[in-house]
């Protein structure tokens, strides 16, 4: 399923992809995601905190609607961060 089906704009995704090319920002995001489990990414409160932390690191301002769309998208993907296939699927979605 595409992130666009959740109302997430391609412009927002492109801005974030561009910001993630900065090695310092990328490392901060990686440290934020370090140690996450599948159950963490299914917990709405934890995902919301992660989204807020990530947008702070990326210096992005999201509306509450955008934030909720991202949270719904993450939960719907049922991602296991320790499963390489899941990570490849996400990577191909945002190429």
PDB file of N, CA and C in Angstrom:
ATOM      1  N   UNK A   1       0.837  -1.194   0.000  1.00  0.00           N
ATOM      2  CA  UNK A   1       0.000   0.000   0.000  1.00  0.00           C
ATOM      3  C   UNK A   1       0.873   1.246   0.000  1.00  0.00           C
ATOM      4  N   UNK A   2       0.463   2.214  -0.713  1.00  0.00           N
ATOM      5  CA  UNK A   2       1.233   3.436  -0.846  1.00  0.00           C
ATOM      6  C   UNK A   2       0.915   4.413   0.289  1.00  0.00           C
ATOM      7  N   UNK A   3       1.926   5.178   0.660  1.00  0.00           N
ATOM      8  CA  UNK A   3       1.733   6.202   1.690  1.00  0.00           C
ATOM      9  C   UNK A   3       0.726   7.244   1.227  1.00  0.00           C
ATOM     10  N   UNK A   4       0.593   7.441  -0.090  1.00  0.00           N
ATOM     11  CA  UNK A   4      -0.347   8.440  -0.612  1.00  0.00           C
ATOM     12  C   UNK A   4      -1.790   8.061  -0.302  1.00  0.00           C
ATOM     13  N   UNK A   5      -2.067   6.773  -0.159  1.00  0.00           N
ATOM     14  CA  UNK A   5      -3.422   6.335   0.182  1.00  0.00           C
ATOM     15  C   UNK A   5      -3.804   6.750   1.597  1.00  0.00           C
ATOM     16  N   UNK A   6      -2.815   7.111   2.395  1.00  0.00           N
ATOM     17  CA  UNK A   6      -3.068   7.571   3.758  1.00  0.00           C
ATOM     18  C   UNK A   6      -3.110   9.099   3.836  1.00  0.00           C
ATOM     19  N   UNK A   7      -3.010   9.749   2.675  1.00  0.00           N
ATOM     20  CA  UNK A   7      -3.084  11.205   2.633  1.00  0.00           C
ATOM     21  C   UNK A   7      -1.758  11.894   2.876  1.00  0.00           C
ATOM     22  N   UNK A   8      -0.675  11.144   2.879  1.00  0.00           N
ATOM     23  CA  UNK A   8       0.655  11.725   3.091  1.00  0.00           C
ATOM     24  C   UNK A   8       1.134  12.265   1.748  1.00  0.00           C
ATOM     25  N   UNK A   9       1.494  13.537   1.728  1.00  0.00           N
ATOM     26  CA  UNK A   9       1.831  14.178   0.454  1.00  0.00           C
ATOM     27  C   UNK A   9       3.225  13.772  -0.036  1.00  0.00           C
ATOM     28  N   UNK A  10       3.360  13.580  -1.341  1.00  0.00           N
ATOM     29  CA  UNK A  10       4.668  13.262  -1.918  1.00  0.00           C
ATOM     30  C   UNK A  10       5.694  14.375  -1.665  1.00  0.00           C
ATOM     31  N   UNK A  11       5.233  15.625  -1.573  1.00  0.00           N
ATOM     32  CA  UNK A  11       6.144  16.741  -1.311  1.00  0.00           C
ATOM     33  C   UNK A  11       6.776  16.610   0.074  1.00  0.00           C
ATOM     34  N   UNK A  12       5.986  16.218   1.054  1.00  0.00           N
ATOM     35  CA  UNK A  12       6.505  16.013   2.407  1.00  0.00           C
ATOM     36  C   UNK A  12       7.538  14.895   2.394  1.00  0.00           C
ATOM     37  N   UNK A  13       7.225  13.804   1.722  1.00  0.00           N
ATOM     38  CA  UNK A  13       8.151  12.666   1.646  1.00  0.00           C
ATOM     39  C   UNK A  13       9.461  13.089   0.975  1.00  0.00           C
ATOM     40  N   UNK A  14       9.373  13.846  -0.105  1.00  0.00           N
ATOM     41  CA  UNK A  14      10.587  14.289  -0.815  1.00  0.00           C
ATOM     42  C   UNK A  14      11.427  15.219   0.064  1.00  0.00           C
ATOM     43  N   UNK A  15      10.776  16.124   0.810  1.00  0.00           N
ATOM     44  CA  UNK A  15      11.517  17.011   1.722  1.00  0.00           C
ATOM     45  C   UNK A  15      12.264  16.205   2.780  1.00  0.00           C
ATOM     46  N   UNK A  16      11.590  15.209   3.323  1.00  0.00           N
ATOM     47  CA  UNK A  16      12.193  14.380   4.369  1.00  0.00           C
ATOM     48  C   UNK A  16      13.339  13.554   3.790  1.00  0.00           C
ATOM     49  N   UNK A  17      13.150  12.993   2.596  1.00  0.00           N
ATOM     50  CA  UNK A  17      14.221  12.224   1.958  1.00  0.00           C
ATOM     51  C   UNK A  17      15.453  13.098   1.738  1.00  0.00           C
ATOM     52  N   UNK A  18      15.234  14.338   1.334  1.00  0.00           N
ATOM     53  CA  UNK A  18      16.351  15.268   1.112  1.00  0.00           C
ATOM     54  C   UNK A  18      17.072  15.562   2.428  1.00  0.00           C
ATOM     55  N   UNK A  19      16.312  15.789   3.489  1.00  0.00           N
ATOM     56  CA  UNK A  19      16.917  16.073   4.799  1.00  0.00           C
ATOM     57  C   UNK A  19      17.667  14.862   5.353  1.00  0.00           C
ATOM     58  N   UNK A  20      17.181  13.662   5.030  1.00  0.00           N
ATOM     59  CA  UNK A  20      17.827  12.439   5.520  1.00  0.00           C
ATOM     60  C   UNK A  20      19.181  12.192   4.857  1.00  0.00           C
ATOM     61  N   UNK A  21      19.495  12.920   3.793  1.00  0.00           N
ATOM     62  CA  UNK A  21      20.799  12.781   3.144  1.00  0.00           C
ATOM     63  C   UNK A  21      21.906  13.434   3.963  1.00  0.00           C
ATOM     64  N   UNK A  22      21.527  14.279   4.907  1.00  0.00           N
ATOM     65  CA  UNK A  22      22.498  14.892   5.818  1.00  0.00           C
ATOM     66  C   UNK A  22      22.942  13.824   6.820  1.00  0.00           C
ATOM     67  N   UNK A  23      24.248  13.473   6.841  1.00  0.00           N
ATOM     68  CA  UNK A  23      24.717  12.386   7.714  1.00  0.00           C
ATOM     69  C   UNK A  23      24.399  12.594   9.202  1.00  0.00           C
ATOM     70  N   UNK A  24      24.467  13.821   9.690  1.00  0.00           N
ATOM     71  CA  UNK A  24      24.186  14.079  11.111  1.00  0.00           C
ATOM     72  C   UNK A  24      22.716  13.799  11.427  1.00  0.00           C
ATOM     73  N   UNK A  25      21.837  14.251  10.551  1.00  0.00           N
ATOM     74  CA  UNK A  25      20.404  14.026  10.742  1.00  0.00           C
ATOM     75  C   UNK A  25      20.106  12.536  10.649  1.00  0.00           C
ATOM     76  N   UNK A  26      20.702  11.879   9.666  1.00  0.00           N
ATOM     77  CA  UNK A  26      20.485  10.442   9.477  1.00  0.00           C
ATOM     78  C   UNK A  26      20.897   9.663  10.724  1.00  0.00           C
ATOM     79  N   UNK A  27      22.018  10.009  11.322  1.00  0.00           N
ATOM     80  CA  UNK A  27      22.486   9.319  12.532  1.00  0.00           C
ATOM     81  C   UNK A  27      21.546   9.542  13.710  1.00  0.00           C
ATOM     82  N   UNK A  28      21.018  10.760  13.839  1.00  0.00           N
ATOM     83  CA  UNK A  28      20.077  11.039  14.931  1.00  0.00           C
ATOM     84  C   UNK A  28      18.790  10.225  14.762  1.00  0.00           C
ATOM     85  N   UNK A  29      18.317  10.115  13.533  1.00  0.00           N
ATOM     86  CA  UNK A  29      17.109   9.318  13.261  1.00  0.00           C
ATOM     87  C   UNK A  29      17.400   7.839  13.504  1.00  0.00           C
ATOM     88  N   UNK A  30      18.568   7.369  13.077  1.00  0.00           N
ATOM     89  CA  UNK A  30      18.928   5.968  13.301  1.00  0.00           C
ATOM     90  C   UNK A  30      18.989   5.653  14.790  1.00  0.00           C
ATOM     91  N   UNK A  31      19.545   6.571  15.581  1.00  0.00           N
ATOM     92  CA  UNK A  31      19.611   6.323  17.023  1.00  0.00           C
ATOM     93  C   UNK A  31      18.209   6.341  17.651  1.00  0.00           C
ATOM     94  N   UNK A  32      17.314   7.142  17.095  1.00  0.00           N
ATOM     95  CA  UNK A  32      15.924   7.173  17.569  1.00  0.00           C
ATOM     96  C   UNK A  32      15.239   5.828  17.301  1.00  0.00           C
ATOM     97  N   UNK A  33      15.546   5.232  16.150  1.00  0.00           N
ATOM     98  CA  UNK A  33      14.912   3.975  15.757  1.00  0.00           C
ATOM     99  C   UNK A  33      15.622   2.748  16.319  1.00  0.00           C
ATOM    100  N   UNK A  34      16.801   2.930  16.874  1.00  0.00           N
ATOM    101  CA  UNK A  34      17.571   1.803  17.389  1.00  0.00           C
ATOM    102  C   UNK A  34      16.823   1.106  18.527  1.00  0.00           C
ATOM    103  N   UNK A  35      16.701  -0.193  18.412  1.00  0.00           N
ATOM    104  CA  UNK A  35      16.068  -0.977  19.473  1.00  0.00           C
ATOM    105  C   UNK A  35      14.559  -1.087  19.383  1.00  0.00           C
ATOM    106  N   UNK A  36      13.953  -0.515  18.327  1.00  0.00           N
ATOM    107  CA  UNK A  36      12.502  -0.623  18.183  1.00  0.00           C
ATOM    108  C   UNK A  36      12.101  -2.054  17.854  1.00  0.00           C
ATOM    109  N   UNK A  37      10.936  -2.439  18.315  1.00  0.00           N
ATOM    110  CA  UNK A  37      10.404  -3.769  18.026  1.00  0.00           C
ATOM    111  C   UNK A  37       9.093  -3.623  17.263  1.00  0.00           C
ATOM    112  N   UNK A  38       8.602  -4.743  16.770  1.00  0.00           N
ATOM    113  CA  UNK A  38       7.326  -4.736  16.047  1.00  0.00           C
ATOM    114  C   UNK A  38       6.205  -4.239  16.957  1.00  0.00           C
ATOM    115  N   UNK A  39       6.223  -4.664  18.219  1.00  0.00           N
ATOM    116  CA  UNK A  39       5.164  -4.226  19.145  1.00  0.00           C
ATOM    117  C   UNK A  39       5.244  -2.724  19.416  1.00  0.00           C
ATOM    118  N   UNK A  40       6.463  -2.163  19.408  1.00  0.00           N
ATOM    119  CA  UNK A  40       6.605  -0.709  19.566  1.00  0.00           C
ATOM    120  C   UNK A  40       5.904   0.021  18.421  1.00  0.00           C
ATOM    121  N   UNK A  41       6.042  -0.537  17.214  1.00  0.00           N
ATOM    122  CA  UNK A  41       5.470   0.110  16.030  1.00  0.00           C
ATOM    123  C   UNK A  41       3.990  -0.202  15.844  1.00  0.00           C
ATOM    124  N   UNK A  42       3.405  -0.952  16.759  1.00  0.00           N
ATOM    125  CA  UNK A  42       1.970  -1.192  16.752  1.00  0.00           C
ATOM    126  C   UNK A  42       1.277  -0.435  17.884  1.00  0.00           C
ATOM    127  N   UNK A  43       2.056   0.233  18.723  1.00  0.00           N
ATOM    128  CA  UNK A  43       1.537   1.007  19.857  1.00  0.00           C
ATOM    129  C   UNK A  43       1.354   2.458  19.415  1.00  0.00           C
ATOM    130  N   UNK A  44       0.091   2.881  19.308  1.00  0.00           N
ATOM    131  CA  UNK A  44      -0.223   4.222  18.794  1.00  0.00           C
ATOM    132  C   UNK A  44       0.514   5.332  19.555  1.00  0.00           C
ATOM    133  N   UNK A  45       0.582   5.241  20.864  1.00  0.00           N
ATOM    134  CA  UNK A  45       1.237   6.281  21.667  1.00  0.00           C
ATOM    135  C   UNK A  45       2.743   6.336  21.376  1.00  0.00           C
ATOM    136  N   UNK A  46       3.375   5.177  21.272  1.00  0.00           N
ATOM    137  CA  UNK A  46       4.810   5.151  20.978  1.00  0.00           C
ATOM    138  C   UNK A  46       5.094   5.671  19.578  1.00  0.00           C
ATOM    139  N   UNK A  47       4.260   5.286  18.628  1.00  0.00           N
ATOM    140  CA  UNK A  47       4.461   5.750  17.254  1.00  0.00           C
ATOM    141  C   UNK A  47       4.281   7.263  17.190  1.00  0.00           C
ATOM    142  N   UNK A  48       3.292   7.773  17.896  1.00  0.00           N
ATOM    143  CA  UNK A  48       3.069   9.232  17.909  1.00  0.00           C
ATOM    144  C   UNK A  48       4.292   9.952  18.486  1.00  0.00           C
ATOM    145  N   UNK A  49       4.860   9.410  19.584  1.00  0.00           N
ATOM    146  CA  UNK A  49       6.070  10.012  20.169  1.00  0.00           C
ATOM    147  C   UNK A  49       7.238   9.955  19.186  1.00  0.00           C
ATOM    148  N   UNK A  50       7.372   8.821  18.487  1.00  0.00           N
ATOM    149  CA  UNK A  50       8.443   8.690  17.493  1.00  0.00           C
ATOM    150  C   UNK A  50       8.279   9.703  16.361  1.00  0.00           C
ATOM    151  N   UNK A  51       7.056   9.878  15.901  1.00  0.00           N
ATOM    152  CA  UNK A  51       6.794  10.844  14.828  1.00  0.00           C
ATOM    153  C   UNK A  51       7.145  12.249  15.301  1.00  0.00           C
ATOM    154  N   UNK A  52       6.729  12.593  16.511  1.00  0.00           N
ATOM    155  CA  UNK A  52       7.038  13.927  17.043  1.00  0.00           C
ATOM    156  C   UNK A  52       8.541  14.125  17.193  1.00  0.00           C
ATOM    157  N   UNK A  53       9.243  13.106  17.695  1.00  0.00           N
ATOM    158  CA  UNK A  53      10.696  13.207  17.853  1.00  0.00           C
ATOM    159  C   UNK A  53      11.386  13.328  16.504  1.00  0.00           C
ATOM    160  N   UNK A  54      10.953  12.523  15.540  1.00  0.00           N
ATOM    161  CA  UNK A  54      11.569  12.555  14.213  1.00  0.00           C
ATOM    162  C   UNK A  54      11.328  13.891  13.517  1.00  0.00           C
ATOM    163  N   UNK A  55      10.115  14.406  13.619  1.00  0.00           N
ATOM    164  CA  UNK A  55       9.846  15.700  12.968  1.00  0.00           C
ATOM    165  C   UNK A  55      10.627  16.821  13.639  1.00  0.00           C
ATOM    166  N   UNK A  56      10.865  16.697  14.922  1.00  0.00           N
ATOM    167  CA  UNK A  56      11.687  17.677  15.622  1.00  0.00           C
ATOM    168  C   UNK A  56      13.133  17.627  15.109  1.00  0.00           C
ATOM    169  N   UNK A  57      13.674  16.415  14.974  1.00  0.00           N
ATOM    170  CA  UNK A  57      15.031  16.240  14.462  1.00  0.00           C
ATOM    171  C   UNK A  57      15.133  16.785  13.034  1.00  0.00           C
ATOM    172  N   UNK A  58      14.099  16.527  12.233  1.00  0.00           N
ATOM    173  CA  UNK A  58      14.094  16.951  10.835  1.00  0.00           C
ATOM    174  C   UNK A  58      13.662  18.403  10.652  1.00  0.00           C
ATOM    175  N   UNK A  59      13.275  19.039  11.737  1.00  0.00           N
ATOM    176  CA  UNK A  59      12.810  20.429  11.708  1.00  0.00           C
ATOM    177  C   UNK A  59      11.620  20.580  10.746  1.00  0.00           C
ATOM    178  N   UNK A  60      10.686  19.660  10.837  1.00  0.00           N
ATOM    179  CA  UNK A  60       9.456  19.687  10.039  1.00  0.00           C
ATOM    180  C   UNK A  60       8.291  20.032  10.954  1.00  0.00           C
ATOM    181  N   UNK A  61       7.397  20.835  10.453  1.00  0.00           N
ATOM    182  CA  UNK A  61       6.178  21.158  11.196  1.00  0.00           C
ATOM    183  C   UNK A  61       5.020  20.394  10.558  1.00  0.00           C
ATOM    184  N   UNK A  62       4.357  19.562  11.358  1.00  0.00           N
ATOM    185  CA  UNK A  62       3.221  18.797  10.865  1.00  0.00           C
ATOM    186  C   UNK A  62       1.946  19.277  11.531  1.00  0.00           C
ATOM    187  N   UNK A  63       0.868  19.246  10.776  1.00  0.00           N
ATOM    188  CA  UNK A  63      -0.435  19.509  11.384  1.00  0.00           C
ATOM    189  C   UNK A  63      -0.836  18.249  12.138  1.00  0.00           C
ATOM    190  N   UNK A  64      -1.827  18.360  12.975  1.00  0.00           N
ATOM    191  CA  UNK A  64      -2.287  17.184  13.716  1.00  0.00           C
ATOM    192  C   UNK A  64      -2.856  16.135  12.757  1.00  0.00           C
ATOM    193  N   UNK A  65      -3.446  16.581  11.652  1.00  0.00           N
ATOM    194  CA  UNK A  65      -3.982  15.646  10.652  1.00  0.00           C
ATOM    195  C   UNK A  65      -2.830  14.889   9.984  1.00  0.00           C
ATOM    196  N   UNK A  66      -1.774  15.592   9.586  1.00  0.00           N
ATOM    197  CA  UNK A  66      -0.620  14.939   8.969  1.00  0.00           C
ATOM    198  C   UNK A  66       0.014  13.938   9.926  1.00  0.00           C
ATOM    199  N   UNK A  67       0.127  14.346  11.177  1.00  0.00           N
ATOM    200  CA  UNK A  67       0.705  13.473  12.193  1.00  0.00           C
ATOM    201  C   UNK A  67      -0.120  12.195  12.332  1.00  0.00           C
ATOM    202  N   UNK A  68      -1.430  12.340  12.386  1.00  0.00           N
ATOM    203  CA  UNK A  68      -2.315  11.181  12.515  1.00  0.00           C
ATOM    204  C   UNK A  68      -2.228  10.285  11.276  1.00  0.00           C
ATOM    205  N   UNK A  69      -2.106  10.879  10.100  1.00  0.00           N
ATOM    206  CA  UNK A  69      -1.970  10.097   8.868  1.00  0.00           C
ATOM    207  C   UNK A  69      -0.699   9.248   8.908  1.00  0.00           C
ATOM    208  N   UNK A  70       0.386   9.827   9.382  1.00  0.00           N
ATOM    209  CA  UNK A  70       1.653   9.100   9.461  1.00  0.00           C
ATOM    210  C   UNK A  70       1.551   7.975  10.493  1.00  0.00           C
ATOM    211  N   UNK A  71       0.950   8.263  11.634  1.00  0.00           N
ATOM    212  CA  UNK A  71       0.781   7.243  12.673  1.00  0.00           C
ATOM    213  C   UNK A  71      -0.053   6.079  12.126  1.00  0.00           C
ATOM    214  N   UNK A  72      -1.146   6.393  11.447  1.00  0.00           N
ATOM    215  CA  UNK A  72      -1.992   5.341  10.872  1.00  0.00           C
ATOM    216  C   UNK A  72      -1.212   4.528   9.839  1.00  0.00           C
ATOM    217  N   UNK A  73      -0.415   5.203   9.029  1.00  0.00           N
ATOM    218  CA  UNK A  73       0.383   4.517   8.012  1.00  0.00           C
ATOM    219  C   UNK A  73       1.368   3.545   8.651  1.00  0.00           C
ATOM    220  N   UNK A  74       2.092   3.998   9.664  1.00  0.00           N
ATOM    221  CA  UNK A  74       3.092   3.148  10.326  1.00  0.00           C
ATOM    222  C   UNK A  74       2.421   1.921  10.940  1.00  0.00           C
ATOM    223  N   UNK A  75       1.323   2.129  11.637  1.00  0.00           N
ATOM    224  CA  UNK A  75       0.630   1.016  12.282  1.00  0.00           C
ATOM    225  C   UNK A  75       0.093   0.036  11.241  1.00  0.00           C
ATOM    226  N   UNK A  76      -0.452   0.544  10.154  1.00  0.00           N
ATOM    227  CA  UNK A  76      -1.033  -0.317   9.118  1.00  0.00           C
ATOM    228  C   UNK A  76       0.011  -1.176   8.409  1.00  0.00           C
ATOM    229  N   UNK A  77       1.261  -0.723   8.367  1.00  0.00           N
ATOM    230  CA  UNK A  77       2.299  -1.476   7.658  1.00  0.00           C
ATOM    231  C   UNK A  77       2.739  -2.715   8.424  1.00  0.00           C
ATOM    232  N   UNK A  78       2.480  -2.758   9.721  1.00  0.00           N
ATOM    233  CA  UNK A  78       2.859  -3.901  10.566  1.00  0.00           C
ATOM    234  C   UNK A  78       4.323  -4.285  10.365  1.00  0.00           C
ATOM    235  N   UNK A  79       5.171  -3.266  10.441  1.00  0.00           N
ATOM    236  CA  UNK A  79       6.602  -3.442  10.188  1.00  0.00           C
ATOM    237  C   UNK A  79       7.298  -4.075  11.384  1.00  0.00           C
ATOM    238  N   UNK A  80       8.131  -5.050  11.090  1.00  0.00           N
ATOM    239  CA  UNK A  80       9.033  -5.617  12.085  1.00  0.00           C
ATOM    240  C   UNK A  80      10.426  -5.098  11.735  1.00  0.00           C
ATOM    241  N   UNK A  81      10.983  -4.173  12.525  1.00  0.00           N
ATOM    242  CA  UNK A  81      12.272  -3.578  12.178  1.00  0.00           C
ATOM    243  C   UNK A  81      13.430  -4.575  12.165  1.00  0.00           C
ATOM    244  N   UNK A  82      13.205  -5.761  12.679  1.00  0.00           N
ATOM    245  CA  UNK A  82      14.257  -6.776  12.676  1.00  0.00           C
ATOM    246  C   UNK A  82      14.107  -7.750  11.491  1.00  0.00           C
ATOM    247  N   UNK A  83      13.097  -7.517  10.667  1.00  0.00           N
ATOM    248  CA  UNK A  83      12.844  -8.374   9.507  1.00  0.00           C
ATOM    249  C   UNK A  83      13.331  -7.657   8.247  1.00  0.00           C
ATOM    250  N   UNK A  84      14.359  -8.189   7.626  1.00  0.00           N
ATOM    251  CA  UNK A  84      14.963  -7.552   6.457  1.00  0.00           C
ATOM    252  C   UNK A  84      13.954  -7.391   5.330  1.00  0.00           C
ATOM    253  N   UNK A  85      13.090  -8.388   5.128  1.00  0.00           N
ATOM    254  CA  UNK A  85      12.079  -8.285   4.070  1.00  0.00           C
ATOM    255  C   UNK A  85      11.169  -7.081   4.293  1.00  0.00           C
ATOM    256  N   UNK A  86      10.754  -6.843   5.521  1.00  0.00           N
ATOM    257  CA  UNK A  86       9.889  -5.690   5.824  1.00  0.00           C
ATOM    258  C   UNK A  86      10.616  -4.384   5.521  1.00  0.00           C
ATOM    259  N   UNK A  87      11.884  -4.328   5.887  1.00  0.00           N
ATOM    260  CA  UNK A  87      12.654  -3.106   5.652  1.00  0.00           C
ATOM    261  C   UNK A  87      12.856  -2.859   4.156  1.00  0.00           C
ATOM    262  N   UNK A  88      13.097  -3.917   3.400  1.00  0.00           N
ATOM    263  CA  UNK A  88      13.244  -3.778   1.944  1.00  0.00           C
ATOM    264  C   UNK A  88      11.937  -3.308   1.307  1.00  0.00           C
ATOM    265  N   UNK A  89      10.819  -3.835   1.808  1.00  0.00           N
ATOM    266  CA  UNK A  89       9.514  -3.430   1.284  1.00  0.00           C
ATOM    267  C   UNK A  89       9.295  -1.933   1.518  1.00  0.00           C
ATOM    268  N   UNK A  90       9.626  -1.469   2.709  1.00  0.00           N
ATOM    269  CA  UNK A  90       9.490  -0.025   2.996  1.00  0.00           C
ATOM    270  C   UNK A  90      10.442   0.789   2.142  1.00  0.00           C
ATOM    271  N   UNK A  91      11.671   0.316   2.017  1.00  0.00           N
ATOM    272  CA  UNK A  91      12.662   1.050   1.244  1.00  0.00           C
ATOM    273  C   UNK A  91      12.173   1.217  -0.186  1.00  0.00           C
ATOM    274  N   UNK A  92      11.625   0.159  -0.779  1.00  0.00           N
ATOM    275  CA  UNK A  92      11.160   0.252  -2.161  1.00  0.00           C
ATOM    276  C   UNK A  92       9.960   1.194  -2.280  1.00  0.00           C
ATOM    277  N   UNK A  93       9.171   1.312  -1.222  1.00  0.00           N
ATOM    278  CA  UNK A  93       8.021   2.197  -1.241  1.00  0.00           C
ATOM    279  C   UNK A  93       8.438   3.666  -1.323  1.00  0.00           C
ATOM    280  N   UNK A  94       9.596   3.997  -0.760  1.00  0.00           N
ATOM    281  CA  UNK A  94      10.025   5.394  -0.680  1.00  0.00           C
ATOM    282  C   UNK A  94      11.206   5.731  -1.587  1.00  0.00           C
ATOM    283  N   UNK A  95      11.547   4.826  -2.503  1.00  0.00           N
ATOM    284  CA  UNK A  95      12.689   5.079  -3.404  1.00  0.00           C
ATOM    285  C   UNK A  95      12.529   6.297  -4.220  1.00  0.00           C
TER     286      UNK A  95
END
